[in-house]
mmCIF file of all heavy atoms, coordinates in Angstrom:
data_MODEL
# 
_entry.id   MODEL 
# 
loop_
_atom_site.group_PDB 
_atom_site.id 
_atom_site.type_symbol 
_atom_site.label_atom_id 
_atom_site.label_alt_id 
_atom_site.label_comp_id 
_atom_site.label_asym_id 
_atom_site.label_entity_id 
_atom_site.label_seq_id 
_atom_site.pdbx_PDB_ins_code 
_atom_site.Cartn_x 
_atom_site.Cartn_y 
_atom_site.Cartn_z 
_atom_site.occupancy 
_atom_site.B_iso_or_equiv 
_atom_site.pdbx_formal_charge 
_atom_site.auth_seq_id 
_atom_site.auth_comp_id 
_atom_site.auth_asym_id 
_atom_site.auth_atom_id 
_atom_site.pdbx_PDB_model_num 
ATOM 1   N N   . LEU A 1 1  ? 67.107 73.904 43.983 1.00 0.00 ? 1  LEU A N   1 
ATOM 2   C CA  . LEU A 1 1  ? 67.514 75.002 44.855 1.00 0.00 ? 1  LEU A CA  1 
ATOM 3   C C   . LEU A 1 1  ? 68.739 75.755 44.282 1.00 0.00 ? 1  LEU A C   1 
ATOM 4   O O   . LEU A 1 1  ? 68.852 76.997 44.403 1.00 0.00 ? 1  LEU A O   1 
ATOM 5   C CB  . LEU A 1 1  ? 67.933 74.232 46.194 1.00 0.00 ? 1  LEU A CB  1 
ATOM 6   C CG  . LEU A 1 1  ? 66.739 73.624 47.099 1.00 0.00 ? 1  LEU A CG  1 
ATOM 7   C CD1 . LEU A 1 1  ? 67.264 73.139 48.320 1.00 0.00 ? 1  LEU A CD1 1 
ATOM 8   C CD2 . LEU A 1 1  ? 65.866 74.770 47.517 1.00 0.00 ? 1  LEU A CD2 1 
ATOM 9   N N   . GLY A 1 2  ? 69.682 75.062 43.732 1.00 0.00 ? 2  GLY A N   1 
ATOM 10  C CA  . GLY A 1 2  ? 70.859 75.572 43.081 1.00 0.00 ? 2  GLY A CA  1 
ATOM 11  C C   . GLY A 1 2  ? 70.562 76.480 42.070 1.00 0.00 ? 2  GLY A C   1 
ATOM 12  O O   . GLY A 1 2  ? 71.246 77.571 41.928 1.00 0.00 ? 2  GLY A O   1 
ATOM 13  N N   . LEU A 1 3  ? 69.730 76.165 41.133 1.00 0.00 ? 3  LEU A N   1 
ATOM 14  C CA  . LEU A 1 3  ? 69.395 76.948 39.938 1.00 0.00 ? 3  LEU A CA  1 
ATOM 15  C C   . LEU A 1 3  ? 68.639 78.185 40.464 1.00 0.00 ? 3  LEU A C   1 
ATOM 16  O O   . LEU A 1 3  ? 68.844 79.377 39.907 1.00 0.00 ? 3  LEU A O   1 
ATOM 17  C CB  . LEU A 1 3  ? 68.594 76.273 38.942 1.00 0.00 ? 3  LEU A CB  1 
ATOM 18  C CG  . LEU A 1 3  ? 69.307 75.091 38.248 1.00 0.00 ? 3  LEU A CG  1 
ATOM 19  C CD1 . LEU A 1 3  ? 68.380 74.219 37.466 1.00 0.00 ? 3  LEU A CD1 1 
ATOM 20  C CD2 . LEU A 1 3  ? 70.402 75.843 37.195 1.00 0.00 ? 3  LEU A CD2 1 
ATOM 21  N N   . ASN A 1 4  ? 67.781 78.187 41.336 1.00 0.00 ? 4  ASN A N   1 
ATOM 22  C CA  . ASN A 1 4  ? 67.111 79.262 41.952 1.00 0.00 ? 4  ASN A CA  1 
ATOM 23  C C   . ASN A 1 4  ? 67.953 80.238 42.690 1.00 0.00 ? 4  ASN A C   1 
ATOM 24  O O   . ASN A 1 4  ? 67.918 81.534 42.700 1.00 0.00 ? 4  ASN A O   1 
ATOM 25  C CB  . ASN A 1 4  ? 66.023 78.921 42.701 1.00 0.00 ? 4  ASN A CB  1 
ATOM 26  C CG  . ASN A 1 4  ? 64.547 78.472 42.094 1.00 0.00 ? 4  ASN A CG  1 
ATOM 27  O OD1 . ASN A 1 4  ? 64.178 79.389 41.308 1.00 0.00 ? 4  ASN A OD1 1 
ATOM 28  N ND2 . ASN A 1 4  ? 64.246 77.292 42.085 1.00 0.00 ? 4  ASN A ND2 1 
ATOM 29  N N   . PHE A 1 5  ? 69.040 79.707 43.333 1.00 0.00 ? 5  PHE A N   1 
ATOM 30  C CA  . PHE A 1 5  ? 70.160 80.375 43.992 1.00 0.00 ? 5  PHE A CA  1 
ATOM 31  C C   . PHE A 1 5  ? 70.955 81.202 42.917 1.00 0.00 ? 5  PHE A C   1 
ATOM 32  O O   . PHE A 1 5  ? 71.186 82.375 43.162 1.00 0.00 ? 5  PHE A O   1 
ATOM 33  C CB  . PHE A 1 5  ? 70.928 79.466 44.834 1.00 0.00 ? 5  PHE A CB  1 
ATOM 34  C CG  . PHE A 1 5  ? 71.868 80.147 45.880 1.00 0.00 ? 5  PHE A CG  1 
ATOM 35  C CD1 . PHE A 1 5  ? 72.604 79.230 46.677 1.00 0.00 ? 5  PHE A CD1 1 
ATOM 36  C CD2 . PHE A 1 5  ? 71.847 81.587 46.006 1.00 0.00 ? 5  PHE A CD2 1 
ATOM 37  C CE1 . PHE A 1 5  ? 73.407 79.812 47.747 1.00 0.00 ? 5  PHE A CE1 1 
ATOM 38  C CE2 . PHE A 1 5  ? 72.771 82.041 46.963 1.00 0.00 ? 5  PHE A CE2 1 
ATOM 39  C CZ  . PHE A 1 5  ? 73.489 81.192 47.878 1.00 0.00 ? 5  PHE A CZ  1 
ATOM 40  N N   . LEU A 1 6  ? 71.320 80.527 41.830 1.00 0.00 ? 6  LEU A N   1 
ATOM 41  C CA  . LEU A 1 6  ? 72.046 81.175 40.761 1.00 0.00 ? 6  LEU A CA  1 
ATOM 42  C C   . LEU A 1 6  ? 71.268 82.346 40.187 1.00 0.00 ? 6  LEU A C   1 
ATOM 43  O O   . LEU A 1 6  ? 71.862 83.286 39.727 1.00 0.00 ? 6  LEU A O   1 
ATOM 44  C CB  . LEU A 1 6  ? 72.350 80.119 39.748 1.00 0.00 ? 6  LEU A CB  1 
ATOM 45  C CG  . LEU A 1 6  ? 73.586 79.224 39.984 1.00 0.00 ? 6  LEU A CG  1 
ATOM 46  C CD1 . LEU A 1 6  ? 73.618 78.136 38.827 1.00 0.00 ? 6  LEU A CD1 1 
ATOM 47  C CD2 . LEU A 1 6  ? 74.917 80.009 40.007 1.00 0.00 ? 6  LEU A CD2 1 
ATOM 48  N N   . SER A 1 7  ? 69.946 82.294 40.213 1.00 0.00 ? 7  SER A N   1 
ATOM 49  C CA  . SER A 1 7  ? 69.111 83.256 39.543 1.00 0.00 ? 7  SER A CA  1 
ATOM 50  C C   . SER A 1 7  ? 69.154 84.651 40.280 1.00 0.00 ? 7  SER A C   1 
ATOM 51  O O   . SER A 1 7  ? 68.747 85.648 39.794 1.00 0.00 ? 7  SER A O   1 
ATOM 52  C CB  . SER A 1 7  ? 67.669 82.870 39.410 1.00 0.00 ? 7  SER A CB  1 
ATOM 53  O OG  . SER A 1 7  ? 67.054 82.751 40.675 1.00 0.00 ? 7  SER A OG  1 
ATOM 54  N N   . ASN A 1 8  ? 69.605 84.546 41.608 1.00 0.00 ? 8  ASN A N   1 
ATOM 55  C CA  . ASN A 1 8  ? 69.706 85.625 42.532 1.00 0.00 ? 8  ASN A CA  1 
ATOM 56  C C   . ASN A 1 8  ? 71.033 85.997 42.812 1.00 0.00 ? 8  ASN A C   1 
ATOM 57  O O   . ASN A 1 8  ? 71.273 86.940 43.514 1.00 0.00 ? 8  ASN A O   1 
ATOM 58  C CB  . ASN A 1 8  ? 68.815 85.527 43.705 1.00 0.00 ? 8  ASN A CB  1 
ATOM 59  C CG  . ASN A 1 8  ? 67.394 85.321 43.336 1.00 0.00 ? 8  ASN A CG  1 
ATOM 60  O OD1 . ASN A 1 8  ? 66.697 86.399 42.981 1.00 0.00 ? 8  ASN A OD1 1 
ATOM 61  N ND2 . ASN A 1 8  ? 66.736 84.182 43.553 1.00 0.00 ? 8  ASN A ND2 1 
ATOM 62  N N   . ALA A 1 9  ? 72.059 85.218 42.515 1.00 0.00 ? 9  ALA A N   1 
ATOM 63  C CA  . ALA A 1 9  ? 73.600 85.451 42.865 1.00 0.00 ? 9  ALA A CA  1 
ATOM 64  C C   . ALA A 1 9  ? 74.178 86.498 42.053 1.00 0.00 ? 9  ALA A C   1 
ATOM 65  O O   . ALA A 1 9  ? 74.134 86.529 40.870 1.00 0.00 ? 9  ALA A O   1 
ATOM 66  C CB  . ALA A 1 9  ? 74.169 84.071 42.730 1.00 0.00 ? 9  ALA A CB  1 
ATOM 67  N N   . THR A 1 10 ? 74.927 87.320 42.745 1.00 0.00 ? 10 THR A N   1 
ATOM 68  C CA  . THR A 1 10 ? 75.846 88.213 42.097 1.00 0.00 ? 10 THR A CA  1 
ATOM 69  C C   . THR A 1 10 ? 77.213 88.199 42.946 1.00 0.00 ? 10 THR A C   1 
ATOM 70  O O   . THR A 1 10 ? 77.202 87.735 44.096 1.00 0.00 ? 10 THR A O   1 
ATOM 71  C CB  . THR A 1 10 ? 75.360 89.667 42.165 1.00 0.00 ? 10 THR A CB  1 
ATOM 72  O OG1 . THR A 1 10 ? 75.032 90.008 43.413 1.00 0.00 ? 10 THR A OG1 1 
ATOM 73  C CG2 . THR A 1 10 ? 74.048 89.689 41.243 1.00 0.00 ? 10 THR A CG2 1 
ATOM 74  N N   . GLY A 1 11 ? 78.334 88.755 42.302 1.00 0.00 ? 11 GLY A N   1 
ATOM 75  C CA  . GLY A 1 11 ? 79.601 88.728 42.990 1.00 0.00 ? 11 GLY A CA  1 
ATOM 76  C C   . GLY A 1 11 ? 80.016 87.427 43.483 1.00 0.00 ? 11 GLY A C   1 
ATOM 77  O O   . GLY A 1 11 ? 79.773 86.436 42.823 1.00 0.00 ? 11 GLY A O   1 
ATOM 78  N N   . TRP A 1 12 ? 80.633 87.365 44.686 1.00 0.00 ? 12 TRP A N   1 
ATOM 79  C CA  . TRP A 1 12 ? 81.209 86.140 45.192 1.00 0.00 ? 12 TRP A CA  1 
ATOM 80  C C   . TRP A 1 12 ? 80.014 85.088 45.735 1.00 0.00 ? 12 TRP A C   1 
ATOM 81  O O   . TRP A 1 12 ? 80.317 84.070 45.916 1.00 0.00 ? 12 TRP A O   1 
ATOM 82  C CB  . TRP A 1 12 ? 82.086 86.491 46.247 1.00 0.00 ? 12 TRP A CB  1 
ATOM 83  C CG  . TRP A 1 12 ? 83.493 87.100 45.916 1.00 0.00 ? 12 TRP A CG  1 
ATOM 84  C CD1 . TRP A 1 12 ? 83.989 88.292 45.878 1.00 0.00 ? 12 TRP A CD1 1 
ATOM 85  C CD2 . TRP A 1 12 ? 84.506 86.239 45.267 1.00 0.00 ? 12 TRP A CD2 1 
ATOM 86  N NE1 . TRP A 1 12 ? 85.032 88.416 45.355 1.00 0.00 ? 12 TRP A NE1 1 
ATOM 87  C CE2 . TRP A 1 12 ? 85.462 87.146 45.048 1.00 0.00 ? 12 TRP A CE2 1 
ATOM 88  C CE3 . TRP A 1 12 ? 84.683 84.955 45.012 1.00 0.00 ? 12 TRP A CE3 1 
ATOM 89  C CZ2 . TRP A 1 12 ? 86.757 86.761 44.368 1.00 0.00 ? 12 TRP A CZ2 1 
ATOM 90  C CZ3 . TRP A 1 12 ? 85.955 84.527 44.425 1.00 0.00 ? 12 TRP A CZ3 1 
ATOM 91  C CH2 . TRP A 1 12 ? 86.934 85.439 44.128 1.00 0.00 ? 12 TRP A CH2 1 
ATOM 92  N N   . THR A 1 13 ? 78.853 85.693 45.750 1.00 0.00 ? 13 THR A N   1 
ATOM 93  C CA  . THR A 1 13 ? 77.838 84.750 46.140 1.00 0.00 ? 13 THR A CA  1 
ATOM 94  C C   . THR A 1 13 ? 77.556 83.647 45.106 1.00 0.00 ? 13 THR A C   1 
ATOM 95  O O   . THR A 1 13 ? 77.080 82.500 45.411 1.00 0.00 ? 13 THR A O   1 
ATOM 96  C CB  . THR A 1 13 ? 76.529 85.551 46.310 1.00 0.00 ? 13 THR A CB  1 
ATOM 97  O OG1 . THR A 1 13 ? 76.637 86.636 47.153 1.00 0.00 ? 13 THR A OG1 1 
ATOM 98  C CG2 . THR A 1 13 ? 75.202 84.795 46.943 1.00 0.00 ? 13 THR A CG2 1 
ATOM 99  N N   . ILE A 1 14 ? 77.995 83.975 43.859 1.00 0.00 ? 14 ILE A N   1 
ATOM 100 C CA  . ILE A 1 14 ? 77.950 82.934 42.719 1.00 0.00 ? 14 ILE A CA  1 
ATOM 101 C C   . ILE A 1 14 ? 78.828 81.772 43.134 1.00 0.00 ? 14 ILE A C   1 
ATOM 102 O O   . ILE A 1 14 ? 78.346 80.601 42.830 1.00 0.00 ? 14 ILE A O   1 
ATOM 103 C CB  . ILE A 1 14 ? 78.390 83.651 41.526 1.00 0.00 ? 14 ILE A CB  1 
ATOM 104 C CG1 . ILE A 1 14 ? 77.494 84.558 40.988 1.00 0.00 ? 14 ILE A CG1 1 
ATOM 105 C CG2 . ILE A 1 14 ? 78.634 82.412 40.355 1.00 0.00 ? 14 ILE A CG2 1 
ATOM 106 C CD1 . ILE A 1 14 ? 77.937 85.380 39.782 1.00 0.00 ? 14 ILE A CD1 1 
ATOM 107 N N   . LEU A 1 15 ? 79.751 81.939 43.919 1.00 0.00 ? 15 LEU A N   1 
ATOM 108 C CA  . LEU A 1 15 ? 80.715 80.697 44.364 1.00 0.00 ? 15 LEU A CA  1 
ATOM 109 C C   . LEU A 1 15 ? 79.837 79.730 45.221 1.00 0.00 ? 15 LEU A C   1 
ATOM 110 O O   . LEU A 1 15 ? 79.887 78.561 45.010 1.00 0.00 ? 15 LEU A O   1 
ATOM 111 C CB  . LEU A 1 15 ? 81.982 81.208 45.087 1.00 0.00 ? 15 LEU A CB  1 
ATOM 112 C CG  . LEU A 1 15 ? 82.791 80.149 45.560 1.00 0.00 ? 15 LEU A CG  1 
ATOM 113 C CD1 . LEU A 1 15 ? 83.412 79.353 44.483 1.00 0.00 ? 15 LEU A CD1 1 
ATOM 114 C CD2 . LEU A 1 15 ? 83.909 80.750 46.518 1.00 0.00 ? 15 LEU A CD2 1 
ATOM 115 N N   . VAL A 1 16 ? 78.982 80.360 46.065 1.00 0.00 ? 16 VAL A N   1 
ATOM 116 C CA  . VAL A 1 16 ? 78.153 79.495 47.006 1.00 0.00 ? 16 VAL A CA  1 
ATOM 117 C C   . VAL A 1 16 ? 77.018 78.871 46.240 1.00 0.00 ? 16 VAL A C   1 
ATOM 118 O O   . VAL A 1 16 ? 76.738 77.671 46.301 1.00 0.00 ? 16 VAL A O   1 
ATOM 119 C CB  . VAL A 1 16 ? 77.605 80.358 48.091 1.00 0.00 ? 16 VAL A CB  1 
ATOM 120 C CG1 . VAL A 1 16 ? 76.866 79.475 49.123 1.00 0.00 ? 16 VAL A CG1 1 
ATOM 121 C CG2 . VAL A 1 16 ? 78.716 81.085 48.869 1.00 0.00 ? 16 VAL A CG2 1 
ATOM 122 N N   . ALA A 1 17 ? 76.366 79.697 45.290 1.00 0.00 ? 17 ALA A N   1 
ATOM 123 C CA  . ALA A 1 17 ? 75.317 79.211 44.506 1.00 0.00 ? 17 ALA A CA  1 
ATOM 124 C C   . ALA A 1 17 ? 75.851 77.981 43.597 1.00 0.00 ? 17 ALA A C   1 
ATOM 125 O O   . ALA A 1 17 ? 75.116 76.992 43.304 1.00 0.00 ? 17 ALA A O   1 
ATOM 126 C CB  . ALA A 1 17 ? 74.714 80.210 43.640 1.00 0.00 ? 17 ALA A CB  1 
ATOM 127 N N   . SER A 1 18 ? 77.053 78.242 43.093 1.00 0.00 ? 18 SER A N   1 
ATOM 128 C CA  . SER A 1 18 ? 77.638 77.154 42.144 1.00 0.00 ? 18 SER A CA  1 
ATOM 129 C C   . SER A 1 18 ? 77.963 75.874 42.849 1.00 0.00 ? 18 SER A C   1 
ATOM 130 O O   . SER A 1 18 ? 77.838 74.792 42.304 1.00 0.00 ? 18 SER A O   1 
ATOM 131 C CB  . SER A 1 18 ? 79.097 77.706 41.520 1.00 0.00 ? 18 SER A CB  1 
ATOM 132 O OG  . SER A 1 18 ? 78.759 78.822 40.717 1.00 0.00 ? 18 SER A OG  1 
ATOM 133 N N   . THR A 1 19 ? 78.372 76.008 44.188 1.00 0.00 ? 19 THR A N   1 
ATOM 134 C CA  . THR A 1 19 ? 78.470 74.774 44.926 1.00 0.00 ? 19 THR A CA  1 
ATOM 135 C C   . THR A 1 19 ? 77.361 74.045 45.164 1.00 0.00 ? 19 THR A C   1 
ATOM 136 O O   . THR A 1 19 ? 77.239 72.688 44.997 1.00 0.00 ? 19 THR A O   1 
ATOM 137 C CB  . THR A 1 19 ? 79.151 75.281 46.382 1.00 0.00 ? 19 THR A CB  1 
ATOM 138 O OG1 . THR A 1 19 ? 80.273 75.995 46.158 1.00 0.00 ? 19 THR A OG1 1 
ATOM 139 C CG2 . THR A 1 19 ? 79.328 73.952 47.213 1.00 0.00 ? 19 THR A CG2 1 
ATOM 140 N N   . VAL A 1 20 ? 76.089 74.644 45.585 1.00 0.00 ? 20 VAL A N   1 
ATOM 141 C CA  . VAL A 1 20 ? 74.863 74.021 45.570 1.00 0.00 ? 20 VAL A CA  1 
ATOM 142 C C   . VAL A 1 20 ? 74.507 73.300 44.337 1.00 0.00 ? 20 VAL A C   1 
ATOM 143 O O   . VAL A 1 20 ? 74.030 72.172 44.283 1.00 0.00 ? 20 VAL A O   1 
ATOM 144 C CB  . VAL A 1 20 ? 73.747 75.013 46.142 1.00 0.00 ? 20 VAL A CB  1 
ATOM 145 C CG1 . VAL A 1 20 ? 72.405 74.360 46.230 1.00 0.00 ? 20 VAL A CG1 1 
ATOM 146 C CG2 . VAL A 1 20 ? 74.128 75.500 47.419 1.00 0.00 ? 20 VAL A CG2 1 
ATOM 147 N N   . TYR A 1 21 ? 74.621 74.059 43.180 1.00 0.00 ? 21 TYR A N   1 
ATOM 148 C CA  . TYR A 1 21 ? 74.177 73.618 41.988 1.00 0.00 ? 21 TYR A CA  1 
ATOM 149 C C   . TYR A 1 21 ? 75.062 72.396 41.449 1.00 0.00 ? 21 TYR A C   1 
ATOM 150 O O   . TYR A 1 21 ? 74.526 71.377 41.160 1.00 0.00 ? 21 TYR A O   1 
ATOM 151 C CB  . TYR A 1 21 ? 74.395 74.692 40.871 1.00 0.00 ? 21 TYR A CB  1 
ATOM 152 C CG  . TYR A 1 21 ? 74.408 74.212 39.508 1.00 0.00 ? 21 TYR A CG  1 
ATOM 153 C CD1 . TYR A 1 21 ? 73.401 73.633 38.934 1.00 0.00 ? 21 TYR A CD1 1 
ATOM 154 C CD2 . TYR A 1 21 ? 75.625 74.361 38.750 1.00 0.00 ? 21 TYR A CD2 1 
ATOM 155 C CE1 . TYR A 1 21 ? 73.304 73.121 37.564 1.00 0.00 ? 21 TYR A CE1 1 
ATOM 156 C CE2 . TYR A 1 21 ? 75.628 73.873 37.394 1.00 0.00 ? 21 TYR A CE2 1 
ATOM 157 C CZ  . TYR A 1 21 ? 74.569 73.319 36.813 1.00 0.00 ? 21 TYR A CZ  1 
ATOM 158 O OH  . TYR A 1 21 ? 74.569 72.812 35.560 1.00 0.00 ? 21 TYR A OH  1 
ATOM 159 N N   . ALA A 1 22 ? 76.354 72.381 41.890 1.00 0.00 ? 22 ALA A N   1 
ATOM 160 C CA  . ALA A 1 22 ? 77.206 71.267 41.703 1.00 0.00 ? 22 ALA A CA  1 
ATOM 161 C C   . ALA A 1 22 ? 76.874 70.008 42.379 1.00 0.00 ? 22 ALA A C   1 
ATOM 162 O O   . ALA A 1 22 ? 76.792 68.916 41.856 1.00 0.00 ? 22 ALA A O   1 
ATOM 163 C CB  . ALA A 1 22 ? 78.723 71.591 42.030 1.00 0.00 ? 22 ALA A CB  1 
ATOM 164 N N   . PHE A 1 23 ? 76.468 70.169 43.664 1.00 0.00 ? 23 PHE A N   1 
ATOM 165 C CA  . PHE A 1 23 ? 76.050 69.002 44.471 1.00 0.00 ? 23 PHE A CA  1 
ATOM 166 C C   . PHE A 1 23 ? 74.715 68.457 43.868 1.00 0.00 ? 23 PHE A C   1 
ATOM 167 O O   . PHE A 1 23 ? 74.366 67.296 43.811 1.00 0.00 ? 23 PHE A O   1 
ATOM 168 C CB  . PHE A 1 23 ? 75.809 69.433 45.917 1.00 0.00 ? 23 PHE A CB  1 
ATOM 169 C CG  . PHE A 1 23 ? 77.056 69.314 46.824 1.00 0.00 ? 23 PHE A CG  1 
ATOM 170 C CD1 . PHE A 1 23 ? 77.919 70.324 46.782 1.00 0.00 ? 23 PHE A CD1 1 
ATOM 171 C CD2 . PHE A 1 23 ? 77.261 68.277 47.573 1.00 0.00 ? 23 PHE A CD2 1 
ATOM 172 C CE1 . PHE A 1 23 ? 79.111 70.322 47.512 1.00 0.00 ? 23 PHE A CE1 1 
ATOM 173 C CE2 . PHE A 1 23 ? 78.436 68.219 48.275 1.00 0.00 ? 23 PHE A CE2 1 
ATOM 174 C CZ  . PHE A 1 23 ? 79.338 69.146 48.273 1.00 0.00 ? 23 PHE A CZ  1 
ATOM 175 N N   . GLY A 1 24 ? 73.905 69.363 43.251 1.00 0.00 ? 24 GLY A N   1 
ATOM 176 C CA  . GLY A 1 24 ? 72.561 68.912 42.647 1.00 0.00 ? 24 GLY A CA  1 
ATOM 177 C C   . GLY A 1 24 ? 72.799 68.166 41.376 1.00 0.00 ? 24 GLY A C   1 
ATOM 178 O O   . GLY A 1 24 ? 72.170 67.114 41.120 1.00 0.00 ? 24 GLY A O   1 
# 
């Protein structure tokens, strides 16, 4: 989920995507 989130993240959304990726 985190990696797919990162693939679509730009701007400050990257902060949220990075959080999900970190938990994974």
